Every structure is written in structure tokens, then in C-alpha cells.
């Protein structure tokens, strides 16, 4: 029985790691890096303020239909992009995934604007609560907390390394820039001699 518990615990750790890793990839890279800036840009468009008023005044069933269509389209595009990746069509998969990000940003905006109406459906409110509980559960895992701490340390080290490289090689007084200027002058002198 102890051996089975040991195997189960190890399997559980692997599953938690996969869940946390996937969640961090989507939250840190895709949401924070790509979708959130698009979402904020969408939110700033004036034309959408008029649409926002129309959504607030709209019928909740019509809002649900539009939100569901956008959500299914975005998730479907993500699944198809994943299939392309698995089939080795990486460029096509990447293009499809990148193309879906603005639509995902609009879908998040639509949810934010119509959240009160959408949550007025009991089944929708239940599903939303379960999804949010899942997110909170993942974020409460120690493996998630530790991974975030290590990721923050890696980000700081990477930023420091980039800053050091910029200062050493690409500053106006850096060796690399001096050598480039010297090479440029050399080429310019050769061309002027030939003329």
C-alpha cells in the first residue's frame, strides 16, 4: 500500500507541475505579454464605448449567444493551432494562435462589460465560480509559488545580463561600437580611394 501511495504522490506532483507550468505559460507569456496589452488597447477605443452602452442595454440571451460564439471561436482556434503544432506545421499553428489573440482580447472585454448579465444565468455563474476556484487552487499550490519566485529571480538575472551586454557592447563608448565605427571608416576610406 505504501508503494502505491508513493507512486500516487509522485504522479500527483508531476500533474501539478504540468498544470502549473501550463498556467504560468498562459498567464505570464500569453496573457501578460500579448493578450492583456491588446485587451487594454481594445478597451481604449472610443467606438467600443458606444458598443459598451449597447451591450449594457441588450438582451441577456443575445449577449450570451455572442459571447459563446466568440469564446468557442477563440478556443477552437487554439485547439486547431495545437493540432497544427502536433502535425509539425509549426508556422501555421503559430500564425493561427497569434491571430486568435486579438479576438481573445475582445472576448475578455465583452465578458467584462456584460459580466453582470452573463452571471445572471445560474449555470454560467456556477461554471464561472468553478473556473475561478480552479485558478485560485493552482495559485495556492506551493509548486506554483516556488515556480513564480524562481521565475522572478531568472527575469531579474536576464534583465541584468541584457543591461550588462548593452553597456559593454552597444553603448557609445563600448568596444563593439568603437570597432563598428572603425570598420565603417575603413570601408568608407576604401570606397573614397576607388572613386
N, C-alpha and C. Protein backbone atom coordinates (compact mmCIF):
# COMPACT_ATOMS: atom_id res chain seq x y z
N UNK A 1 0.82 -1.20 0.00
CA UNK A 1 0.00 0.00 0.00
C UNK A 1 0.87 1.26 0.00
N UNK A 2 1.99 1.24 0.75
CA UNK A 2 2.88 2.39 0.79
C UNK A 2 3.48 2.68 -0.57
N UNK A 3 3.80 1.60 -1.32
CA UNK A 3 4.36 1.78 -2.65
C UNK A 3 3.35 2.49 -3.56
N UNK A 4 2.07 2.09 -3.47
CA UNK A 4 1.03 2.74 -4.27
C UNK A 4 0.86 4.20 -3.88
N UNK A 5 0.93 4.50 -2.59
CA UNK A 5 0.86 5.89 -2.14
C UNK A 5 2.04 6.70 -2.67
N UNK A 6 3.22 6.08 -2.64
CA UNK A 6 4.42 6.74 -3.15
C UNK A 6 4.25 7.08 -4.63
N UNK A 7 3.80 6.09 -5.41
CA UNK A 7 3.58 6.30 -6.85
C UNK A 7 2.53 7.37 -7.07
N UNK A 8 1.43 7.29 -6.31
CA UNK A 8 0.34 8.26 -6.45
C UNK A 8 0.84 9.68 -6.15
N UNK A 9 1.63 9.83 -5.08
CA UNK A 9 2.16 11.16 -4.72
C UNK A 9 3.09 11.70 -5.79
N UNK A 10 3.94 10.83 -6.34
CA UNK A 10 4.84 11.27 -7.41
C UNK A 10 4.06 11.67 -8.65
N UNK A 11 3.04 10.89 -8.99
CA UNK A 11 2.19 11.20 -10.14
C UNK A 11 1.45 12.52 -9.92
N UNK A 12 0.99 12.73 -8.72
CA UNK A 12 0.29 13.96 -8.38
C UNK A 12 1.22 15.17 -8.51
N UNK A 13 2.46 15.03 -8.10
CA UNK A 13 3.44 16.12 -8.22
C UNK A 13 3.69 16.43 -9.70
N UNK A 14 3.83 15.39 -10.52
CA UNK A 14 4.04 15.60 -11.96
C UNK A 14 2.83 16.30 -12.58
N UNK A 15 1.62 15.86 -12.23
CA UNK A 15 0.41 16.50 -12.76
C UNK A 15 0.30 17.95 -12.31
N UNK A 16 0.63 18.21 -11.04
CA UNK A 16 0.61 19.59 -10.54
C UNK A 16 1.62 20.43 -11.29
N UNK A 17 2.81 19.89 -11.52
CA UNK A 17 3.83 20.63 -12.25
C UNK A 17 3.35 20.97 -13.66
N UNK A 18 2.77 20.00 -14.35
CA UNK A 18 2.26 20.24 -15.71
C UNK A 18 1.19 21.32 -15.69
N UNK A 19 0.25 21.21 -14.74
CA UNK A 19 -0.80 22.22 -14.61
C UNK A 19 -0.22 23.60 -14.34
N UNK A 20 0.68 23.68 -13.39
CA UNK A 20 1.28 24.97 -13.01
C UNK A 20 2.09 25.53 -14.17
N UNK A 21 2.90 24.69 -14.81
CA UNK A 21 3.71 25.15 -15.93
C UNK A 21 2.83 25.70 -17.05
N UNK A 22 1.78 24.98 -17.40
CA UNK A 22 0.85 25.42 -18.44
C UNK A 22 0.18 26.73 -18.03
N UNK A 23 -0.25 26.81 -16.78
CA UNK A 23 -0.91 28.01 -16.29
C UNK A 23 0.02 29.21 -16.34
N UNK A 24 1.27 29.02 -15.92
CA UNK A 24 2.23 30.12 -15.94
C UNK A 24 2.53 30.55 -17.36
N UNK A 25 2.67 29.60 -18.27
CA UNK A 25 2.91 29.94 -19.68
C UNK A 25 1.77 30.81 -20.19
N UNK A 26 0.54 30.37 -19.94
CA UNK A 26 -0.60 31.15 -20.44
C UNK A 26 -0.74 32.48 -19.73
N UNK A 27 -0.55 32.50 -18.42
CA UNK A 27 -0.75 33.74 -17.67
C UNK A 27 0.39 34.73 -17.90
N UNK A 28 1.63 34.28 -17.76
CA UNK A 28 2.77 35.18 -17.83
C UNK A 28 3.11 35.59 -19.26
N UNK A 29 3.15 34.64 -20.16
CA UNK A 29 3.61 34.95 -21.50
C UNK A 29 2.46 35.39 -22.40
N UNK A 30 1.43 34.56 -22.50
CA UNK A 30 0.36 34.84 -23.45
C UNK A 30 -0.55 35.95 -22.94
N UNK A 31 -1.03 35.86 -21.68
CA UNK A 31 -1.95 36.89 -21.18
C UNK A 31 -1.21 38.19 -20.91
N UNK A 32 -0.17 38.16 -20.07
CA UNK A 32 0.52 39.39 -19.69
C UNK A 32 1.28 40.01 -20.86
N UNK A 33 1.92 39.17 -21.67
CA UNK A 33 2.75 39.68 -22.75
C UNK A 33 2.00 40.06 -24.02
N UNK A 34 0.95 39.33 -24.33
CA UNK A 34 0.26 39.54 -25.61
C UNK A 34 -1.19 39.98 -25.46
N UNK A 35 -1.99 39.18 -24.79
CA UNK A 35 -3.44 39.42 -24.76
C UNK A 35 -3.81 40.64 -23.93
N UNK A 36 -3.19 40.85 -22.79
CA UNK A 36 -3.56 41.97 -21.92
C UNK A 36 -3.30 43.32 -22.60
N UNK A 37 -2.14 43.53 -23.25
CA UNK A 37 -1.97 44.81 -23.96
C UNK A 37 -3.01 45.02 -25.06
N UNK A 38 -3.37 43.94 -25.75
CA UNK A 38 -4.41 44.05 -26.78
C UNK A 38 -5.75 44.36 -26.13
N UNK A 39 -6.05 43.69 -25.03
CA UNK A 39 -7.29 43.94 -24.28
C UNK A 39 -7.36 45.39 -23.84
N UNK A 40 -6.27 45.93 -23.32
CA UNK A 40 -6.25 47.33 -22.86
C UNK A 40 -6.40 48.29 -24.03
N UNK A 41 -5.83 47.94 -25.18
CA UNK A 41 -5.98 48.78 -26.38
C UNK A 41 -7.43 48.75 -26.85
N UNK A 42 -8.02 47.57 -26.88
CA UNK A 42 -9.43 47.44 -27.28
C UNK A 42 -10.31 48.27 -26.36
N UNK A 43 -10.01 48.22 -25.07
CA UNK A 43 -10.80 48.94 -24.08
C UNK A 43 -10.73 50.45 -24.29
N UNK A 44 -9.64 50.93 -24.89
CA UNK A 44 -9.47 52.37 -25.08
C UNK A 44 -10.15 52.92 -26.34
N UNK A 45 -10.60 52.06 -27.24
CA UNK A 45 -11.23 52.54 -28.47
C UNK A 45 -12.55 53.24 -28.15
N UNK A 46 -12.74 54.42 -28.73
CA UNK A 46 -13.97 55.19 -28.47
C UNK A 46 -15.21 54.49 -29.01
N UNK A 47 -15.06 53.86 -30.17
CA UNK A 47 -16.21 53.20 -30.78
C UNK A 47 -16.77 52.11 -29.87
N UNK A 48 -15.88 51.52 -29.07
CA UNK A 48 -16.32 50.46 -28.17
C UNK A 48 -17.11 51.00 -26.97
N UNK A 49 -16.94 52.30 -26.68
CA UNK A 49 -17.73 52.88 -25.59
C UNK A 49 -19.21 52.90 -25.98
N UNK A 50 -19.47 53.17 -27.26
CA UNK A 50 -20.85 53.13 -27.76
C UNK A 50 -21.36 51.68 -27.74
N UNK A 51 -20.50 50.77 -28.14
CA UNK A 51 -20.86 49.35 -28.12
C UNK A 51 -21.11 48.88 -26.69
N UNK A 52 -20.32 49.40 -25.76
CA UNK A 52 -20.48 49.05 -24.36
C UNK A 52 -21.88 49.45 -23.86
N UNK A 53 -22.32 50.63 -24.25
CA UNK A 53 -23.66 51.07 -23.86
C UNK A 53 -24.73 50.17 -24.47
N UNK A 54 -24.51 49.77 -25.74
CA UNK A 54 -25.46 48.87 -26.40
C UNK A 54 -25.49 47.51 -25.71
N UNK A 55 -24.33 47.03 -25.27
CA UNK A 55 -24.27 45.74 -24.58
C UNK A 55 -25.00 45.81 -23.25
N UNK A 56 -24.80 46.90 -22.54
CA UNK A 56 -25.46 47.07 -21.24
C UNK A 56 -26.99 47.08 -21.40
N UNK A 57 -27.45 47.65 -22.51
CA UNK A 57 -28.90 47.73 -22.74
C UNK A 57 -29.45 46.48 -23.45
N UNK A 58 -28.57 45.60 -23.92
CA UNK A 58 -29.01 44.47 -24.74
C UNK A 58 -29.71 43.39 -23.92
N UNK A 59 -30.34 42.49 -24.64
CA UNK A 59 -30.98 41.32 -24.05
C UNK A 59 -29.90 40.36 -23.60
N UNK A 60 -30.05 39.75 -22.44
CA UNK A 60 -29.00 38.88 -21.90
C UNK A 60 -28.81 37.63 -22.73
N UNK A 61 -29.85 37.15 -23.41
CA UNK A 61 -29.72 35.96 -24.25
C UNK A 61 -28.89 36.26 -25.50
N UNK A 62 -29.09 37.43 -26.07
CA UNK A 62 -28.31 37.82 -27.25
C UNK A 62 -26.84 37.98 -26.86
N UNK A 63 -26.60 38.59 -25.70
CA UNK A 63 -25.23 38.74 -25.20
C UNK A 63 -24.59 37.37 -25.00
N UNK A 64 -25.33 36.45 -24.42
CA UNK A 64 -24.82 35.10 -24.18
C UNK A 64 -24.45 34.42 -25.49
N UNK A 65 -25.30 34.57 -26.50
CA UNK A 65 -25.03 33.95 -27.81
C UNK A 65 -23.75 34.52 -28.41
N UNK A 66 -23.61 35.86 -28.40
CA UNK A 66 -22.40 36.47 -28.97
C UNK A 66 -21.15 36.07 -28.19
N UNK A 67 -21.23 36.12 -26.87
CA UNK A 67 -20.08 35.75 -26.04
C UNK A 67 -19.69 34.29 -26.29
N UNK A 68 -20.68 33.42 -26.34
CA UNK A 68 -20.42 31.99 -26.56
C UNK A 68 -19.77 31.76 -27.92
N UNK A 69 -20.27 32.44 -28.96
CA UNK A 69 -19.70 32.29 -30.30
C UNK A 69 -18.24 32.74 -30.33
N UNK A 70 -17.96 33.90 -29.72
CA UNK A 70 -16.57 34.37 -29.69
C UNK A 70 -15.69 33.42 -28.88
N UNK A 71 -16.18 32.98 -27.73
CA UNK A 71 -15.39 32.09 -26.88
C UNK A 71 -15.11 30.76 -27.58
N UNK A 72 -16.13 30.19 -28.21
CA UNK A 72 -15.94 28.93 -28.94
C UNK A 72 -14.98 29.12 -30.11
N UNK A 73 -15.08 30.26 -30.80
CA UNK A 73 -14.17 30.55 -31.91
C UNK A 73 -12.73 30.63 -31.45
N UNK A 74 -12.52 31.34 -30.34
CA UNK A 74 -11.16 31.50 -29.80
C UNK A 74 -10.61 30.16 -29.33
N UNK A 75 -11.40 29.42 -28.57
CA UNK A 75 -10.92 28.13 -28.07
C UNK A 75 -10.73 27.13 -29.21
N UNK A 76 -11.64 27.17 -30.19
CA UNK A 76 -11.50 26.29 -31.35
C UNK A 76 -10.23 26.59 -32.13
N UNK A 77 -9.94 27.88 -32.30
CA UNK A 77 -8.70 28.28 -33.00
C UNK A 77 -7.48 27.79 -32.22
N UNK A 78 -7.54 27.85 -30.89
CA UNK A 78 -6.44 27.36 -30.07
C UNK A 78 -6.24 25.86 -30.24
N UNK A 79 -7.33 25.11 -30.28
CA UNK A 79 -7.23 23.65 -30.47
C UNK A 79 -6.68 23.31 -31.86
N UNK A 80 -7.16 24.02 -32.87
CA UNK A 80 -6.67 23.78 -34.24
C UNK A 80 -5.19 24.13 -34.33
N UNK A 81 -4.79 25.25 -33.68
CA UNK A 81 -3.37 25.63 -33.67
C UNK A 81 -2.55 24.53 -33.00
N UNK A 82 -3.06 23.96 -31.91
CA UNK A 82 -2.38 22.86 -31.25
C UNK A 82 -2.24 21.65 -32.16
N UNK A 83 -3.30 21.34 -32.91
CA UNK A 83 -3.23 20.22 -33.86
C UNK A 83 -2.18 20.47 -34.94
N UNK A 84 -2.10 21.73 -35.41
CA UNK A 84 -1.07 22.06 -36.40
C UNK A 84 0.33 21.85 -35.82
N UNK A 85 0.52 22.26 -34.54
CA UNK A 85 1.82 22.05 -33.90
C UNK A 85 2.16 20.57 -33.83
N UNK A 86 1.19 19.74 -33.43
CA UNK A 86 1.41 18.30 -33.30
C UNK A 86 1.73 17.68 -34.66
N UNK A 87 1.11 18.19 -35.72
CA UNK A 87 1.34 17.66 -37.06
C UNK A 87 2.64 18.18 -37.69
N UNK A 88 3.34 19.05 -36.96
CA UNK A 88 4.61 19.57 -37.48
C UNK A 88 4.46 20.83 -38.29
N UNK A 89 3.26 21.37 -38.38
CA UNK A 89 3.02 22.62 -39.11
C UNK A 89 3.13 23.78 -38.13
N UNK A 90 4.36 23.99 -37.65
CA UNK A 90 4.61 24.94 -36.56
C UNK A 90 4.27 26.37 -36.98
N UNK A 91 4.69 26.78 -38.17
CA UNK A 91 4.43 28.15 -38.61
C UNK A 91 2.94 28.42 -38.73
N UNK A 92 2.21 27.50 -39.33
CA UNK A 92 0.77 27.65 -39.47
C UNK A 92 0.09 27.68 -38.10
N UNK A 93 0.52 26.82 -37.19
CA UNK A 93 -0.02 26.80 -35.83
C UNK A 93 0.26 28.10 -35.10
N UNK A 94 1.49 28.60 -35.24
CA UNK A 94 1.86 29.86 -34.57
C UNK A 94 1.06 31.03 -35.13
N UNK A 95 0.90 31.08 -36.46
CA UNK A 95 0.12 32.16 -37.08
C UNK A 95 -1.33 32.13 -36.61
N UNK A 96 -1.92 30.96 -36.57
CA UNK A 96 -3.31 30.84 -36.12
C UNK A 96 -3.43 31.26 -34.66
N UNK A 97 -2.47 30.83 -33.84
CA UNK A 97 -2.53 31.17 -32.42
C UNK A 97 -2.38 32.67 -32.21
N UNK A 98 -1.45 33.28 -32.93
CA UNK A 98 -1.26 34.73 -32.81
C UNK A 98 -2.48 35.48 -33.33
N UNK A 99 -3.10 34.97 -34.41
CA UNK A 99 -4.28 35.62 -34.97
C UNK A 99 -5.46 35.58 -34.02
N UNK A 100 -5.54 34.59 -33.17
CA UNK A 100 -6.67 34.48 -32.25
C UNK A 100 -6.55 35.40 -31.04
N UNK A 101 -5.37 35.91 -30.77
CA UNK A 101 -5.15 36.71 -29.56
C UNK A 101 -5.99 37.99 -29.54
N UNK A 102 -6.07 38.76 -30.64
CA UNK A 102 -6.94 39.95 -30.59
C UNK A 102 -8.41 39.59 -30.35
N UNK A 103 -8.85 38.47 -30.91
CA UNK A 103 -10.24 38.04 -30.70
C UNK A 103 -10.43 37.64 -29.24
N UNK A 104 -9.42 37.01 -28.66
CA UNK A 104 -9.49 36.65 -27.24
C UNK A 104 -9.56 37.92 -26.38
N UNK A 105 -8.78 38.94 -26.75
CA UNK A 105 -8.83 40.22 -26.03
C UNK A 105 -10.21 40.84 -26.10
N UNK A 106 -10.82 40.79 -27.28
CA UNK A 106 -12.19 41.32 -27.44
C UNK A 106 -13.17 40.50 -26.62
N UNK A 107 -12.99 39.19 -26.59
CA UNK A 107 -13.88 38.31 -25.82
C UNK A 107 -13.78 38.61 -24.33
N UNK A 108 -12.56 38.85 -23.82
CA UNK A 108 -12.40 39.23 -22.41
C UNK A 108 -13.10 40.56 -22.13
N UNK A 109 -12.95 41.49 -23.06
CA UNK A 109 -13.61 42.79 -22.91
C UNK A 109 -15.12 42.61 -22.89
N UNK A 110 -15.64 41.79 -23.80
CA UNK A 110 -17.08 41.53 -23.87
C UNK A 110 -17.58 40.91 -22.55
N UNK A 111 -16.80 40.00 -22.00
CA UNK A 111 -17.18 39.40 -20.72
C UNK A 111 -17.19 40.46 -19.62
N UNK A 112 -16.17 41.30 -19.59
CA UNK A 112 -16.09 42.32 -18.55
C UNK A 112 -17.29 43.26 -18.61
N UNK A 113 -17.63 43.69 -19.82
CA UNK A 113 -18.75 44.62 -19.99
C UNK A 113 -20.08 43.94 -19.64
N UNK A 114 -20.26 42.72 -20.08
CA UNK A 114 -21.53 42.03 -19.88
C UNK A 114 -21.53 41.05 -18.72
N UNK A 115 -20.54 41.13 -17.83
CA UNK A 115 -20.39 40.15 -16.75
C UNK A 115 -21.65 40.03 -15.89
N UNK A 116 -22.24 41.15 -15.54
CA UNK A 116 -23.42 41.11 -14.67
C UNK A 116 -24.56 40.34 -15.34
N UNK A 117 -24.77 40.60 -16.63
CA UNK A 117 -25.85 39.90 -17.35
C UNK A 117 -25.52 38.43 -17.55
N UNK A 118 -24.27 38.15 -17.88
CA UNK A 118 -23.89 36.76 -18.11
C UNK A 118 -23.98 35.94 -16.83
N UNK A 119 -23.59 36.54 -15.71
CA UNK A 119 -23.65 35.82 -14.43
C UNK A 119 -25.07 35.72 -13.89
N UNK A 120 -26.02 36.37 -14.57
CA UNK A 120 -27.42 36.22 -14.15
C UNK A 120 -27.97 34.85 -14.53
N UNK A 121 -27.27 34.14 -15.41
CA UNK A 121 -27.61 32.74 -15.72
C UNK A 121 -26.99 31.88 -14.63
N UNK A 122 -27.80 31.11 -13.92
CA UNK A 122 -27.30 30.32 -12.78
C UNK A 122 -26.20 29.34 -13.20
N UNK A 123 -26.38 28.65 -14.31
CA UNK A 123 -25.39 27.68 -14.77
C UNK A 123 -24.08 28.37 -15.15
N UNK A 124 -24.17 29.58 -15.73
CA UNK A 124 -22.99 30.34 -16.13
C UNK A 124 -22.23 30.79 -14.87
N UNK A 125 -22.98 31.29 -13.89
CA UNK A 125 -22.36 31.73 -12.63
C UNK A 125 -21.68 30.55 -11.94
N UNK A 126 -22.32 29.36 -11.97
CA UNK A 126 -21.74 28.17 -11.36
C UNK A 126 -20.42 27.80 -12.06
N UNK A 127 -20.45 27.78 -13.43
CA UNK A 127 -19.25 27.42 -14.20
C UNK A 127 -18.13 28.44 -13.96
N UNK A 128 -18.49 29.71 -13.93
CA UNK A 128 -17.50 30.77 -13.69
C UNK A 128 -16.87 30.60 -12.31
N UNK A 129 -17.69 30.32 -11.30
CA UNK A 129 -17.19 30.13 -9.94
C UNK A 129 -16.24 28.93 -9.88
N UNK A 130 -16.57 27.84 -10.58
CA UNK A 130 -15.71 26.65 -10.59
C UNK A 130 -14.37 26.95 -11.28
N UNK A 131 -14.43 27.67 -12.40
CA UNK A 131 -13.19 28.02 -13.12
C UNK A 131 -12.30 28.90 -12.25
N UNK A 132 -12.90 29.91 -11.60
CA UNK A 132 -12.13 30.80 -10.74
C UNK A 132 -11.57 30.03 -9.54
N UNK A 133 -12.34 29.11 -8.99
CA UNK A 133 -11.86 28.28 -7.88
C UNK A 133 -10.66 27.45 -8.33
N UNK A 134 -10.70 26.95 -9.56
CA UNK A 134 -9.57 26.21 -10.12
C UNK A 134 -8.32 27.08 -10.24
N UNK A 135 -8.50 28.32 -10.71
CA UNK A 135 -7.37 29.25 -10.80
C UNK A 135 -6.78 29.53 -9.42
N UNK A 136 -7.65 29.78 -8.45
CA UNK A 136 -7.18 30.06 -7.09
C UNK A 136 -6.47 28.84 -6.50
N UNK A 137 -6.98 27.64 -6.79
CA UNK A 137 -6.35 26.41 -6.31
C UNK A 137 -4.94 26.29 -6.87
N UNK A 138 -4.81 26.52 -8.19
CA UNK A 138 -3.49 26.43 -8.82
C UNK A 138 -2.54 27.45 -8.20
N UNK A 139 -3.03 28.69 -8.02
CA UNK A 139 -2.18 29.74 -7.47
C UNK A 139 -1.80 29.49 -6.01
N UNK A 140 -2.58 28.70 -5.30
CA UNK A 140 -2.29 28.40 -3.90
C UNK A 140 -1.29 27.25 -3.74
N UNK A 141 -1.04 26.50 -4.80
CA UNK A 141 -0.11 25.37 -4.73
C UNK A 141 1.31 25.87 -4.43
N UNK A 142 2.02 25.15 -3.60
CA UNK A 142 3.39 25.55 -3.27
C UNK A 142 4.28 25.47 -4.50
N UNK A 143 4.02 24.53 -5.38
CA UNK A 143 4.82 24.41 -6.61
C UNK A 143 4.64 25.66 -7.49
N UNK A 144 3.44 26.22 -7.48
CA UNK A 144 3.18 27.46 -8.23
C UNK A 144 3.94 28.62 -7.60
N UNK A 145 3.84 28.76 -6.28
CA UNK A 145 4.52 29.84 -5.57
C UNK A 145 6.03 29.76 -5.78
N UNK A 146 6.60 28.56 -5.63
CA UNK A 146 8.04 28.38 -5.82
C UNK A 146 8.47 28.67 -7.24
N UNK A 147 7.67 28.23 -8.21
CA UNK A 147 8.00 28.47 -9.62
C UNK A 147 7.97 29.96 -9.92
N UNK A 148 6.98 30.68 -9.38
CA UNK A 148 6.91 32.13 -9.59
C UNK A 148 8.13 32.83 -9.00
N UNK A 149 8.55 32.40 -7.80
CA UNK A 149 9.73 33.01 -7.17
C UNK A 149 10.97 32.77 -8.03
N UNK A 150 11.13 31.53 -8.51
CA UNK A 150 12.30 31.22 -9.34
C UNK A 150 12.24 31.96 -10.67
N UNK A 151 11.03 32.10 -11.23
CA UNK A 151 10.86 32.83 -12.48
C UNK A 151 11.23 34.29 -12.29
N UNK A 152 10.82 34.89 -11.17
CA UNK A 152 11.15 36.29 -10.89
C UNK A 152 12.67 36.48 -10.77
N UNK A 153 13.34 35.52 -10.12
CA UNK A 153 14.80 35.59 -9.99
C UNK A 153 15.46 35.48 -11.37
N UNK A 154 14.96 34.55 -12.20
CA UNK A 154 15.51 34.39 -13.56
C UNK A 154 15.28 35.64 -14.39
N UNK A 155 14.10 36.27 -14.25
CA UNK A 155 13.82 37.51 -15.00
C UNK A 155 14.81 38.59 -14.61
N UNK A 156 15.06 38.74 -13.32
CA UNK A 156 15.99 39.76 -12.85
C UNK A 156 17.40 39.49 -13.36
N UNK A 157 17.83 38.23 -13.34
CA UNK A 157 19.16 37.88 -13.84
C UNK A 157 19.25 38.16 -15.34
N UNK A 158 18.17 37.83 -16.07
CA UNK A 158 18.15 38.06 -17.51
C UNK A 158 18.22 39.56 -17.81
N UNK A 159 17.44 40.37 -17.06
CA UNK A 159 17.46 41.83 -17.26
C UNK A 159 18.85 42.39 -16.97
N UNK A 160 19.47 41.90 -15.90
CA UNK A 160 20.82 42.36 -15.55
C UNK A 160 21.82 42.00 -16.65
N UNK A 161 21.68 40.80 -17.21
CA UNK A 161 22.58 40.35 -18.27
C UNK A 161 22.39 41.21 -19.52
N UNK A 162 21.14 41.49 -19.88
CA UNK A 162 20.86 42.32 -21.05
C UNK A 162 21.42 43.73 -20.84
N UNK A 163 21.24 44.27 -19.65
CA UNK A 163 21.77 45.61 -19.35
C UNK A 163 23.29 45.61 -19.45
N UNK A 164 23.92 44.60 -18.93
CA UNK A 164 25.38 44.50 -19.00
C UNK A 164 25.86 44.41 -20.45
N UNK A 165 25.18 43.61 -21.25
CA UNK A 165 25.54 43.47 -22.67
C UNK A 165 25.37 44.79 -23.40
N UNK A 166 24.27 45.49 -23.11
CA UNK A 166 24.04 46.80 -23.74
C UNK A 166 25.15 47.77 -23.38
N UNK A 167 25.48 47.82 -22.09
CA UNK A 167 26.52 48.75 -21.65
C UNK A 167 27.89 48.38 -22.22
N UNK A 168 28.19 47.09 -22.23
CA UNK A 168 29.51 46.66 -22.67
C UNK A 168 29.70 46.77 -24.19
N UNK A 169 28.67 46.39 -24.93
CA UNK A 169 28.85 46.30 -26.38
C UNK A 169 28.13 47.37 -27.19
N UNK A 170 27.03 47.91 -26.68
CA UNK A 170 26.24 48.79 -27.52
C UNK A 170 26.16 50.23 -27.00
N UNK A 171 26.88 50.56 -25.95
CA UNK A 171 26.91 51.95 -25.53
C UNK A 171 27.82 52.71 -26.50
N UNK A 172 27.72 54.00 -26.51
CA UNK A 172 28.51 54.81 -27.46
C UNK A 172 30.01 54.65 -27.22
N UNK A 173 30.36 54.37 -25.99
CA UNK A 173 31.78 54.22 -25.65
C UNK A 173 32.22 52.76 -25.62
N UNK A 174 31.31 51.83 -25.86
CA UNK A 174 31.65 50.40 -25.79
C UNK A 174 32.58 49.96 -26.90
N UNK A 175 33.30 48.88 -26.64
CA UNK A 175 34.28 48.34 -27.58
C UNK A 175 33.64 47.94 -28.91
N UNK A 176 32.50 47.28 -28.83
CA UNK A 176 31.83 46.80 -30.04
C UNK A 176 31.46 47.97 -30.96
N UNK A 177 30.90 49.04 -30.38
CA UNK A 177 30.51 50.21 -31.17
C UNK A 177 31.74 50.89 -31.75
N UNK A 178 32.81 50.98 -30.95
CA UNK A 178 34.05 51.58 -31.46
C UNK A 178 34.58 50.79 -32.64
N UNK A 179 34.55 49.46 -32.53
CA UNK A 179 35.04 48.62 -33.63
C UNK A 179 34.16 48.75 -34.86
N UNK A 180 32.85 48.84 -34.66
CA UNK A 180 31.95 49.05 -35.81
C UNK A 180 32.25 50.37 -36.50
N UNK A 181 32.45 51.44 -35.71
CA UNK A 181 32.77 52.75 -36.29
C UNK A 181 34.09 52.70 -37.04
N UNK A 182 35.06 52.01 -36.45
CA UNK A 182 36.36 51.87 -37.08
C UNK A 182 36.24 51.12 -38.41
N UNK A 183 35.47 50.03 -38.41
CA UNK A 183 35.26 49.25 -39.63
C UNK A 183 34.53 50.08 -40.68
N UNK A 184 33.55 50.86 -40.25
CA UNK A 184 32.79 51.73 -41.17
C UNK A 184 33.74 52.77 -41.79
N UNK A 185 34.60 53.37 -40.98
CA UNK A 185 35.56 54.36 -41.50
C UNK A 185 36.50 53.71 -42.50
N UNK A 186 36.94 52.48 -42.19
CA UNK A 186 37.85 51.75 -43.07
C UNK A 186 37.19 51.51 -44.43
N UNK A 187 35.94 51.03 -44.41
CA UNK A 187 35.20 50.77 -45.66
C UNK A 187 35.00 52.07 -46.42
N UNK A 188 34.66 53.13 -45.70
CA UNK A 188 34.42 54.44 -46.33
C UNK A 188 35.70 54.94 -47.00
N UNK A 189 36.86 54.74 -46.35
CA UNK A 189 38.15 55.17 -46.93
C UNK A 189 38.47 54.38 -48.19
N UNK A 190 38.19 53.07 -48.16
CA UNK A 190 38.45 52.24 -49.35
C UNK A 190 37.59 52.72 -50.50
N UNK A 191 36.33 53.03 -50.26
CA UNK A 191 35.43 53.49 -51.33
C UNK A 191 35.91 54.84 -51.87
N UNK A 192 36.35 55.72 -50.98
CA UNK A 192 36.78 57.06 -51.44
C UNK A 192 38.06 56.96 -52.26
N UNK A 193 38.94 56.02 -51.97
CA UNK A 193 40.17 55.84 -52.76
C UNK A 193 39.86 55.35 -54.17
N UNK A 194 38.82 54.47 -54.27
CA UNK A 194 38.46 53.92 -55.57
C UNK A 194 37.80 54.97 -56.46
N UNK A 195 37.17 55.98 -55.85
CA UNK A 195 36.44 56.99 -56.62
C UNK A 195 37.34 57.96 -57.31
